[in-house]
PDB file of N, CA and C in Angstrom:
ATOM      1  N   MET A   1      -6.141  19.509  -9.898  1.00  0.00           N
ATOM      2  CA  MET A   1      -6.811  19.604  -8.632  1.00  0.00           C
ATOM      3  C   MET A   1      -5.769  20.061  -7.586  1.00  0.00           C
ATOM      4  N   ASN A   2      -6.046  21.122  -6.977  1.00  0.00           N
ATOM      5  CA  ASN A   2      -5.027  21.654  -5.967  1.00  0.00           C
ATOM      6  C   ASN A   2      -5.166  20.955  -4.693  1.00  0.00           C
ATOM      7  N   PRO A   3      -4.160  20.971  -3.754  1.00  0.00           N
ATOM      8  CA  PRO A   3      -4.183  20.171  -2.525  1.00  0.00           C
ATOM      9  C   PRO A   3      -5.428  20.417  -1.611  1.00  0.00           C
ATOM     10  N   SER A   4      -5.938  21.645  -1.473  1.00  0.00           N
ATOM     11  CA  SER A   4      -7.029  21.841  -0.628  1.00  0.00           C
ATOM     12  C   SER A   4      -8.335  21.262  -1.173  1.00  0.00           C
ATOM     13  N   THR A   5      -8.492  21.227  -2.469  1.00  0.00           N
ATOM     14  CA  THR A   5      -9.671  20.622  -3.040  1.00  0.00           C
ATOM     15  C   THR A   5      -9.556  19.133  -2.850  1.00  0.00           C
ATOM     16  N   TRP A   6      -8.363  18.519  -3.043  1.00  0.00           N
ATOM     17  CA  TRP A   6      -8.135  17.147  -2.840  1.00  0.00           C
ATOM     18  C   TRP A   6      -8.450  16.776  -1.424  1.00  0.00           C
ATOM     19  N   LEU A   7      -7.985  17.539  -0.473  1.00  0.00           N
ATOM     20  CA  LEU A   7      -8.171  17.241   0.926  1.00  0.00           C
ATOM     21  C   LEU A   7      -9.655  17.309   1.306  1.00  0.00           C
ATOM     22  N   LYS A   8     -10.380  18.324   0.739  1.00  0.00           N
ATOM     23  CA  LYS A   8     -11.838  18.383   1.002  1.00  0.00           C
ATOM     24  C   LYS A   8     -12.601  17.205   0.525  1.00  0.00           C
ATOM     25  N   ALA A   9     -12.248  16.780  -0.651  1.00  0.00           N
ATOM     26  CA  ALA A   9     -12.873  15.655  -1.251  1.00  0.00           C
ATOM     27  C   ALA A   9     -12.605  14.358  -0.373  1.00  0.00           C
ATOM     28  N   ARG A  10     -11.384  14.169   0.006  1.00  0.00           N
ATOM     29  CA  ARG A  10     -11.026  13.010   0.888  1.00  0.00           C
ATOM     30  C   ARG A  10     -11.718  13.112   2.227  1.00  0.00           C
ATOM     31  N   ALA A  11     -11.858  14.316   2.728  1.00  0.00           N
ATOM     32  CA  ALA A  11     -12.511  14.484   4.076  1.00  0.00           C
ATOM     33  C   ALA A  11     -14.019  14.173   3.887  1.00  0.00           C
ATOM     34  N   VAL A  12     -14.631  14.508   2.824  1.00  0.00           N
ATOM     35  CA  VAL A  12     -16.017  14.178   2.631  1.00  0.00           C
ATOM     36  C   VAL A  12     -16.193  12.670   2.546  1.00  0.00           C
ATOM     37  N   GLU A  13     -15.291  11.958   1.819  1.00  0.00           N
ATOM     38  CA  GLU A  13     -15.293  10.498   1.785  1.00  0.00           C
ATOM     39  C   GLU A  13     -15.151   9.864   3.110  1.00  0.00           C
ATOM     40  N   LEU A  14     -14.142  10.381   3.832  1.00  0.00           N
ATOM     41  CA  LEU A  14     -13.904   9.845   5.160  1.00  0.00           C
ATOM     42  C   LEU A  14     -15.038  10.044   6.094  1.00  0.00           C
ATOM     43  N   GLY A  15     -15.632  11.204   6.082  1.00  0.00           N
ATOM     44  CA  GLY A  15     -16.804  11.543   6.871  1.00  0.00           C
ATOM     45  C   GLY A  15     -17.987  10.634   6.530  1.00  0.00           C
ATOM     46  N   ALA A  16     -18.176  10.379   5.282  1.00  0.00           N
ATOM     47  CA  ALA A  16     -19.305   9.436   4.964  1.00  0.00           C
ATOM     48  C   ALA A  16     -19.038   7.948   5.447  1.00  0.00           C
ATOM     49  N   ALA A  17     -17.790   7.601   5.308  1.00  0.00           N
ATOM     50  CA  ALA A  17     -17.369   6.265   5.793  1.00  0.00           C
ATOM     51  C   ALA A  17     -17.554   6.159   7.264  1.00  0.00           C
ATOM     52  N   LEU A  18     -17.145   7.171   8.020  1.00  0.00           N
ATOM     53  CA  LEU A  18     -17.235   7.161   9.502  1.00  0.00           C
ATOM     54  C   LEU A  18     -18.741   7.228   9.956  1.00  0.00           C
ATOM     55  N   CYS A  19     -19.483   8.052   9.161  1.00  0.00           N
ATOM     56  CA  CYS A  19     -20.980   8.090   9.504  1.00  0.00           C
ATOM     57  C   CYS A  19     -21.648   6.685   9.294  1.00  0.00           C
ATOM     58  N   THR A  20     -21.255   6.021   8.228  1.00  0.00           N
ATOM     59  CA  THR A  20     -21.790   4.687   8.005  1.00  0.00           C
ATOM     60  C   THR A  20     -21.396   3.715   9.066  1.00  0.00           C
ATOM     61  N   ALA A  21     -20.082   3.763   9.458  1.00  0.00           N
ATOM     62  CA  ALA A  21     -19.641   2.897  10.536  1.00  0.00           C
ATOM     63  C   ALA A  21     -20.304   3.115  11.804  1.00  0.00           C
ATOM     64  N   THR A  22     -20.473   4.456  12.146  1.00  0.00           N
ATOM     65  CA  THR A  22     -21.133   4.919  13.345  1.00  0.00           C
ATOM     66  C   THR A  22     -22.636   4.420  13.343  1.00  0.00           C
ATOM     67  N   ILE A  23     -23.298   4.492  12.252  1.00  0.00           N
ATOM     68  CA  ILE A  23     -24.784   4.060  12.237  1.00  0.00           C
ATOM     69  C   ILE A  23     -24.815   2.522  12.424  1.00  0.00           C
ATOM     70  N   LEU A  24     -23.825   1.803  11.846  1.00  0.00           N
ATOM     71  CA  LEU A  24     -23.837   0.390  11.992  1.00  0.00           C
ATOM     72  C   LEU A  24     -23.548  -0.088  13.407  1.00  0.00           C
ATOM     73  N   ILE A  25     -22.590   0.468  13.941  1.00  0.00           N
ATOM     74  CA  ILE A  25     -22.113   0.042  15.322  1.00  0.00           C
ATOM     75  C   ILE A  25     -23.149   0.650  16.378  1.00  0.00           C
ATOM     76  N   GLY A  26     -23.745   1.780  16.125  1.00  0.00           N
ATOM     77  CA  GLY A  26     -24.784   2.308  16.873  1.00  0.00           C
ATOM     78  C   GLY A  26     -26.038   1.398  16.908  1.00  0.00           C
ATOM     79  N   GLY A  27     -26.287   0.895  15.731  1.00  0.00           N
ATOM     80  CA  GLY A  27     -27.429  -0.066  15.540  1.00  0.00           C
ATOM     81  C   GLY A  27     -27.201  -1.319  16.360  1.00  0.00           C
ATOM     82  N   LEU A  28     -25.928  -1.780  16.372  1.00  0.00           N
ATOM     83  CA  LEU A  28     -25.590  -2.953  17.311  1.00  0.00           C
ATOM     84  C   LEU A  28     -25.817  -2.532  18.680  1.00  0.00           C
ATOM     85  N   ALA A  29     -25.431  -1.390  19.081  1.00  0.00           N
ATOM     86  CA  ALA A  29     -25.439  -0.958  20.497  1.00  0.00           C
ATOM     87  C   ALA A  29     -26.968  -0.936  21.004  1.00  0.00           C
ATOM     88  N   ILE A  30     -27.829  -0.453  20.197  1.00  0.00           N
ATOM     89  CA  ILE A  30     -29.219  -0.353  20.571  1.00  0.00           C
ATOM     90  C   ILE A  30     -29.989  -1.603  20.399  1.00  0.00           C
ATOM     91  N   GLY A  31     -29.345  -2.590  19.737  1.00  0.00           N
ATOM     92  CA  GLY A  31     -29.978  -3.961  19.573  1.00  0.00           C
ATOM     93  C   GLY A  31     -30.847  -4.142  18.399  1.00  0.00           C
ATOM     94  N   VAL A  32     -30.525  -3.518  17.309  1.00  0.00           N
ATOM     95  CA  VAL A  32     -31.321  -3.817  16.021  1.00  0.00           C
ATOM     96  C   VAL A  32     -31.274  -5.233  15.674  1.00  0.00           C
ATOM     97  N   PRO A  33     -32.288  -5.963  15.537  1.00  0.00           N
ATOM     98  CA  PRO A  33     -32.279  -7.422  15.359  1.00  0.00           C
ATOM     99  C   PRO A  33     -31.461  -7.854  14.198  1.00  0.00           C
ATOM    100  N   PHE A  34     -31.721  -7.299  12.954  1.00  0.00           N
ATOM    101  CA  PHE A  34     -30.964  -7.780  11.772  1.00  0.00           C
ATOM    102  C   PHE A  34     -29.506  -7.520  11.829  1.00  0.00           C
ATOM    103  N   LEU A  35     -29.058  -6.483  12.627  1.00  0.00           N
ATOM    104  CA  LEU A  35     -27.621  -6.215  12.845  1.00  0.00           C
ATOM    105  C   LEU A  35     -27.048  -7.250  13.864  1.00  0.00           C
ATOM    106  N   ARG A  36     -27.799  -7.498  14.949  1.00  0.00           N
ATOM    107  CA  ARG A  36     -27.410  -8.388  15.991  1.00  0.00           C
ATOM    108  C   ARG A  36     -27.110  -9.794  15.426  1.00  0.00           C
ATOM    109  N   ALA A  37     -27.956 -10.182  14.457  1.00  0.00           N
ATOM    110  CA  ALA A  37     -27.815 -11.470  13.855  1.00  0.00           C
ATOM    111  C   ALA A  37     -26.609 -11.543  13.051  1.00  0.00           C
ATOM    112  N   ARG A  38     -25.968 -10.392  12.594  1.00  0.00           N
ATOM    113  CA  ARG A  38     -24.772 -10.448  11.798  1.00  0.00           C
ATOM    114  C   ARG A  38     -23.676  -9.613  12.400  1.00  0.00           C
ATOM    115  N   ILE A  39     -23.316  -9.819  13.653  1.00  0.00           N
ATOM    116  CA  ILE A  39     -22.307  -8.985  14.358  1.00  0.00           C
ATOM    117  C   ILE A  39     -20.991  -9.005  13.727  1.00  0.00           C
ATOM    118  N   PRO A  40     -20.364 -10.143  13.309  1.00  0.00           N
ATOM    119  CA  PRO A  40     -19.097 -10.102  12.769  1.00  0.00           C
ATOM    120  C   PRO A  40     -19.054  -9.345  11.384  1.00  0.00           C
ATOM    121  N   GLU A  41     -20.193  -9.486  10.658  1.00  0.00           N
ATOM    122  CA  GLU A  41     -20.200  -8.818   9.265  1.00  0.00           C
ATOM    123  C   GLU A  41     -20.390  -7.304   9.449  1.00  0.00           C
ATOM    124  N   THR A  42     -21.116  -6.935  10.496  1.00  0.00           N
ATOM    125  CA  THR A  42     -21.259  -5.520  10.732  1.00  0.00           C
ATOM    126  C   THR A  42     -19.995  -4.795  11.148  1.00  0.00           C
ATOM    127  N   PHE A  43     -19.198  -5.454  12.026  1.00  0.00           N
ATOM    128  CA  PHE A  43     -17.875  -4.849  12.397  1.00  0.00           C
ATOM    129  C   PHE A  43     -16.926  -4.863  11.115  1.00  0.00           C
ATOM    130  N   LEU A  44     -17.001  -6.012  10.361  1.00  0.00           N
ATOM    131  CA  LEU A  44     -16.101  -6.091   9.212  1.00  0.00           C
ATOM    132  C   LEU A  44     -16.492  -5.075   8.224  1.00  0.00           C
ATOM    133  N   TYR A  45     -17.706  -4.844   7.873  1.00  0.00           N
ATOM    134  CA  TYR A  45     -18.155  -3.821   6.927  1.00  0.00           C
ATOM    135  C   TYR A  45     -17.816  -2.400   7.485  1.00  0.00           C
ATOM    136  N   SER A  46     -17.906  -2.126   8.745  1.00  0.00           N
ATOM    137  CA  SER A  46     -17.577  -0.881   9.307  1.00  0.00           C
ATOM    138  C   SER A  46     -16.117  -0.601   9.139  1.00  0.00           C
ATOM    139  N   PHE A  47     -15.246  -1.598   9.427  1.00  0.00           N
ATOM    140  CA  PHE A  47     -13.856  -1.479   9.274  1.00  0.00           C
ATOM    141  C   PHE A  47     -13.516  -1.265   7.821  1.00  0.00           C
ATOM    142  N   CYS A  48     -14.091  -2.062   6.960  1.00  0.00           N
ATOM    143  CA  CYS A  48     -13.789  -1.953   5.538  1.00  0.00           C
ATOM    144  C   CYS A  48     -14.134  -0.646   4.942  1.00  0.00           C
ATOM    145  N   CYS A  49     -15.283  -0.029   5.329  1.00  0.00           N
ATOM    146  CA  CYS A  49     -15.642   1.211   4.842  1.00  0.00           C
ATOM    147  C   CYS A  49     -14.557   2.320   5.098  1.00  0.00           C
ATOM    148  N   ILE A  50     -14.078   2.345   6.285  1.00  0.00           N
ATOM    149  CA  ILE A  50     -13.052   3.287   6.708  1.00  0.00           C
ATOM    150  C   ILE A  50     -11.737   3.016   6.036  1.00  0.00           C
ATOM    151  N   THR A  51     -11.353   1.774   6.021  1.00  0.00           N
ATOM    152  CA  THR A  51     -10.060   1.337   5.459  1.00  0.00           C
ATOM    153  C   THR A  51     -10.031   1.609   3.947  1.00  0.00           C
ATOM    154  N   ALA A  52     -11.151   1.309   3.251  1.00  0.00           N
ATOM    155  CA  ALA A  52     -11.175   1.659   1.816  1.00  0.00           C
ATOM    156  C   ALA A  52     -10.894   3.058   1.464  1.00  0.00           C
ATOM    157  N   VAL A  53     -11.522   3.935   2.301  1.00  0.00           N
ATOM    158  CA  VAL A  53     -11.340   5.434   1.946  1.00  0.00           C
ATOM    159  C   VAL A  53      -9.797   5.773   2.233  1.00  0.00           C
ATOM    160  N   ILE A  54      -9.207   5.310   3.291  1.00  0.00           N
ATOM    161  CA  ILE A  54      -7.867   5.629   3.626  1.00  0.00           C
ATOM    162  C   ILE A  54      -6.941   4.938   2.547  1.00  0.00           C
ATOM    163  N   LEU A  55      -7.197   3.720   2.107  1.00  0.00           N
ATOM    164  CA  LEU A  55      -6.422   3.088   1.117  1.00  0.00           C
ATOM    165  C   LEU A  55      -6.505   3.805  -0.276  1.00  0.00           C
ATOM    166  N   ARG A  56      -7.707   4.209  -0.643  1.00  0.00           N
ATOM    167  CA  ARG A  56      -7.879   4.939  -1.872  1.00  0.00           C
ATOM    168  C   ARG A  56      -7.153   6.264  -1.855  1.00  0.00           C
ATOM    169  N   ALA A  57      -7.132   6.889  -0.701  1.00  0.00           N
ATOM    170  CA  ALA A  57      -6.377   8.244  -0.636  1.00  0.00           C
ATOM    171  C   ALA A  57      -4.915   7.910  -0.758  1.00  0.00           C
ATOM    172  N   GLY A  58      -4.453   6.907  -0.181  1.00  0.00           N
ATOM    173  CA  GLY A  58      -3.015   6.527  -0.338  1.00  0.00           C
ATOM    174  C   GLY A  58      -2.629   6.185  -1.690  1.00  0.00           C
ATOM    175  N   ILE A  59      -3.443   5.354  -2.323  1.00  0.00           N
ATOM    176  CA  ILE A  59      -3.161   4.977  -3.729  1.00  0.00           C
ATOM    177  C   ILE A  59      -3.207   6.210  -4.618  1.00  0.00           C
ATOM    178  N   ASP A  60      -4.157   7.100  -4.424  1.00  0.00           N
ATOM    179  CA  ASP A  60      -4.261   8.305  -5.199  1.00  0.00           C
ATOM    180  C   ASP A  60      -2.959   9.190  -5.088  1.00  0.00           C
ATOM    181  N   LEU A  61      -2.522   9.336  -3.824  1.00  0.00           N
ATOM    182  CA  LEU A  61      -1.311  10.094  -3.545  1.00  0.00           C
ATOM    183  C   LEU A  61      -0.095   9.445  -4.299  1.00  0.00           C
ATOM    184  N   VAL A  62       0.063   8.115  -4.238  1.00  0.00           N
ATOM    185  CA  VAL A  62       1.103   7.451  -4.910  1.00  0.00           C
ATOM    186  C   VAL A  62       1.084   7.697  -6.404  1.00  0.00           C
ATOM    187  N   VAL A  63      -0.116   7.526  -6.995  1.00  0.00           N
ATOM    188  CA  VAL A  63      -0.256   7.682  -8.417  1.00  0.00           C
ATOM    189  C   VAL A  63       0.043   9.124  -8.830  1.00  0.00           C
ATOM    190  N   ARG A  64      -0.433  10.056  -8.105  1.00  0.00           N
ATOM    191  CA  ARG A  64      -0.189  11.500  -8.379  1.00  0.00           C
ATOM    192  C   ARG A  64       1.342  11.788  -8.198  1.00  0.00           C
ATOM    193  N   GLY A  65       2.013  11.205  -7.289  1.00  0.00           N
ATOM    194  CA  GLY A  65       3.423  11.406  -7.024  1.00  0.00           C
ATOM    195  C   GLY A  65       4.196  10.795  -8.261  1.00  0.00           C
ATOM    196  N   ILE A  66       3.832   9.604  -8.689  1.00  0.00           N
ATOM    197  CA  ILE A  66       4.539   9.016  -9.820  1.00  0.00           C
ATOM    198  C   ILE A  66       4.291   9.864 -11.083  1.00  0.00           C
ATOM    199  N   ALA A  67       3.091  10.290 -11.277  1.00  0.00           N
ATOM    200  CA  ALA A  67       2.798  11.153 -12.482  1.00  0.00           C
ATOM    201  C   ALA A  67       3.589  12.459 -12.426  1.00  0.00           C
ATOM    202  N   LEU A  68       3.686  12.981 -11.232  1.00  0.00           N
ATOM    203  CA  LEU A  68       4.437  14.316 -11.154  1.00  0.00           C
ATOM    204  C   LEU A  68       5.866  14.013 -11.356  1.00  0.00           C
ATOM    205  N   ALA A  69       6.430  12.919 -10.841  1.00  0.00           N
ATOM    206  CA  ALA A  69       7.892  12.601 -11.110  1.00  0.00           C
ATOM    207  C   ALA A  69       8.144  12.281 -12.513  1.00  0.00           C
ATOM    208  N   ALA A  70       7.169  11.528 -13.164  1.00  0.00           N
ATOM    209  CA  ALA A  70       7.383  11.247 -14.553  1.00  0.00           C
ATOM    210  C   ALA A  70       7.296  12.440 -15.470  1.00  0.00           C
ATOM    211  N   GLY A  71       6.415  13.320 -15.088  1.00  0.00           N
ATOM    212  CA  GLY A  71       6.270  14.616 -15.879  1.00  0.00           C
ATOM    213  C   GLY A  71       7.506  15.496 -15.748  1.00  0.00           C
ATOM    214  N   SER A  72       8.255  15.398 -14.650  1.00  0.00           N
ATOM    215  CA  SER A  72       9.356  16.264 -14.434  1.00  0.00           C
ATOM    216  C   SER A  72      10.637  15.689 -15.095  1.00  0.00           C
ATOM    217  N   LEU A  73      10.604  14.430 -15.432  1.00  0.00           N
ATOM    218  CA  LEU A  73      11.793  13.821 -16.088  1.00  0.00           C
ATOM    219  C   LEU A  73      11.741  14.212 -17.605  1.00  0.00           C
ATOM    220  N   ARG A  74      12.860  14.597 -18.140  1.00  0.00           N
ATOM    221  CA  ARG A  74      12.978  14.892 -19.633  1.00  0.00           C
ATOM    222  C   ARG A  74      13.908  14.031 -20.201  1.00  0.00           C
ATOM    223  N   PRO A  75      13.683  13.486 -21.401  1.00  0.00           N
ATOM    224  CA  PRO A  75      14.703  12.650 -22.120  1.00  0.00           C
ATOM    225  C   PRO A  75      15.953  13.458 -22.404  1.00  0.00           C
ATOM    226  N   ALA A  76      17.081  12.745 -22.364  1.00  0.00           N
ATOM    227  CA  ALA A  76      18.369  13.481 -22.741  1.00  0.00           C
ATOM    228  C   ALA A  76      18.378  13.802 -24.191  1.00  0.00           C
ATOM    229  N   VAL A  77      17.930  12.920 -25.082  1.00  0.00           N
ATOM    230  CA  VAL A  77      17.921  13.179 -26.448  1.00  0.00           C
ATOM    231  C   VAL A  77      16.501  13.076 -26.916  1.00  0.00           C
ATOM    232  N   PRO A  78      16.086  14.189 -27.660  1.00  0.00           N
ATOM    233  CA  PRO A  78      14.707  14.124 -28.126  1.00  0.00           C
ATOM    234  C   PRO A  78      14.365  12.921 -29.053  1.00  0.00           C
ATOM    235  N   VAL A  79      13.292  12.384 -28.944  1.00  0.00           N
ATOM    236  CA  VAL A  79      12.930  11.142 -29.715  1.00  0.00           C
ATOM    237  C   VAL A  79      12.991  11.366 -31.252  1.00  0.00           C
ATOM    238  N   ALA A  80      12.623  12.592 -31.678  1.00  0.00           N
ATOM    239  CA  ALA A  80      12.636  12.876 -33.156  1.00  0.00           C
ATOM    240  C   ALA A  80      14.079  12.914 -33.635  1.00  0.00           C
ATOM    241  N   ALA A  81      15.065  13.281 -32.816  1.00  0.00           N
ATOM    242  CA  ALA A  81      16.480  13.338 -33.321  1.00  0.00           C
ATOM    243  C   ALA A  81      17.061  11.919 -33.463  1.00  0.00           C
ATOM    244  N   THR A  82      16.411  10.876 -32.903  1.00  0.00           N
ATOM    245  CA  THR A  82      16.951   9.547 -33.057  1.00  0.00           C
ATOM    246  C   THR A  82      16.375   8.804 -34.238  1.00  0.00           C
ATOM    247  N   LEU A  83      15.374   9.326 -34.844  1.00  0.00           N
ATOM    248  CA  LEU A  83      14.726   8.642 -35.938  1.00  0.00           C
ATOM    249  C   LEU A  83      15.565   8.834 -37.245  1.00  0.00           C
ATOM    250  N   LYS A  84      15.741   7.794 -37.982  1.00  0.00           N
ATOM    251  CA  LYS A  84      16.510   7.963 -39.313  1.00  0.00           C
ATOM    252  C   LYS A  84      15.476   8.157 -40.374  1.00  0.00           C
ATOM    253  N   PRO A  85      15.788   8.971 -41.398  1.00  0.00           N
ATOM    254  CA  PRO A  85      14.849   9.234 -42.449  1.00  0.00           C
ATOM    255  C   PRO A  85      14.718   7.901 -43.303  1.00  0.00           C
ATOM    256  N   SER A  86      13.481   7.681 -43.723  1.00  0.00           N
ATOM    257  CA  SER A  86      13.242   6.460 -44.478  1.00  0.00           C
ATOM    258  C   SER A  86      13.594   6.733 -45.996  1.00  0.00           C
ATOM    259  N   GLY A  87      13.928   5.676 -46.714  1.00  0.00           N
ATOM    260  CA  GLY A  87      14.243   5.805 -48.088  1.00  0.00           C
ATOM    261  C   GLY A  87      15.788   6.157 -48.360  1.00  0.00           C
ATOM    262  N   ALA A  88      16.618   6.170 -47.277  1.00  0.00           N
ATOM    263  CA  ALA A  88      17.979   6.517 -47.493  1.00  0.00           C
ATOM    264  C   ALA A  88      18.861   5.353 -47.794  1.00  0.00           C
TER     265      ALA A  88
END
């Protein structure tokens, strides 16, 4: 996956999370009864939606960085050269 594709995918996820948070907080602002009854949960859910997307993107970048670094490392001695023939 190239960087622009990755950024587009994360932007879509972040947009969806922001839209969800906006709808929930907007519902509180206009006084939707079932949201007003759960004001702390609504704010917590809105915060968690956005934080989860940002955290997932960060973890994804770290894992990709580790995989890239591990792939660039080469062993000094090939593994096959260190094996002794059996039956000797």
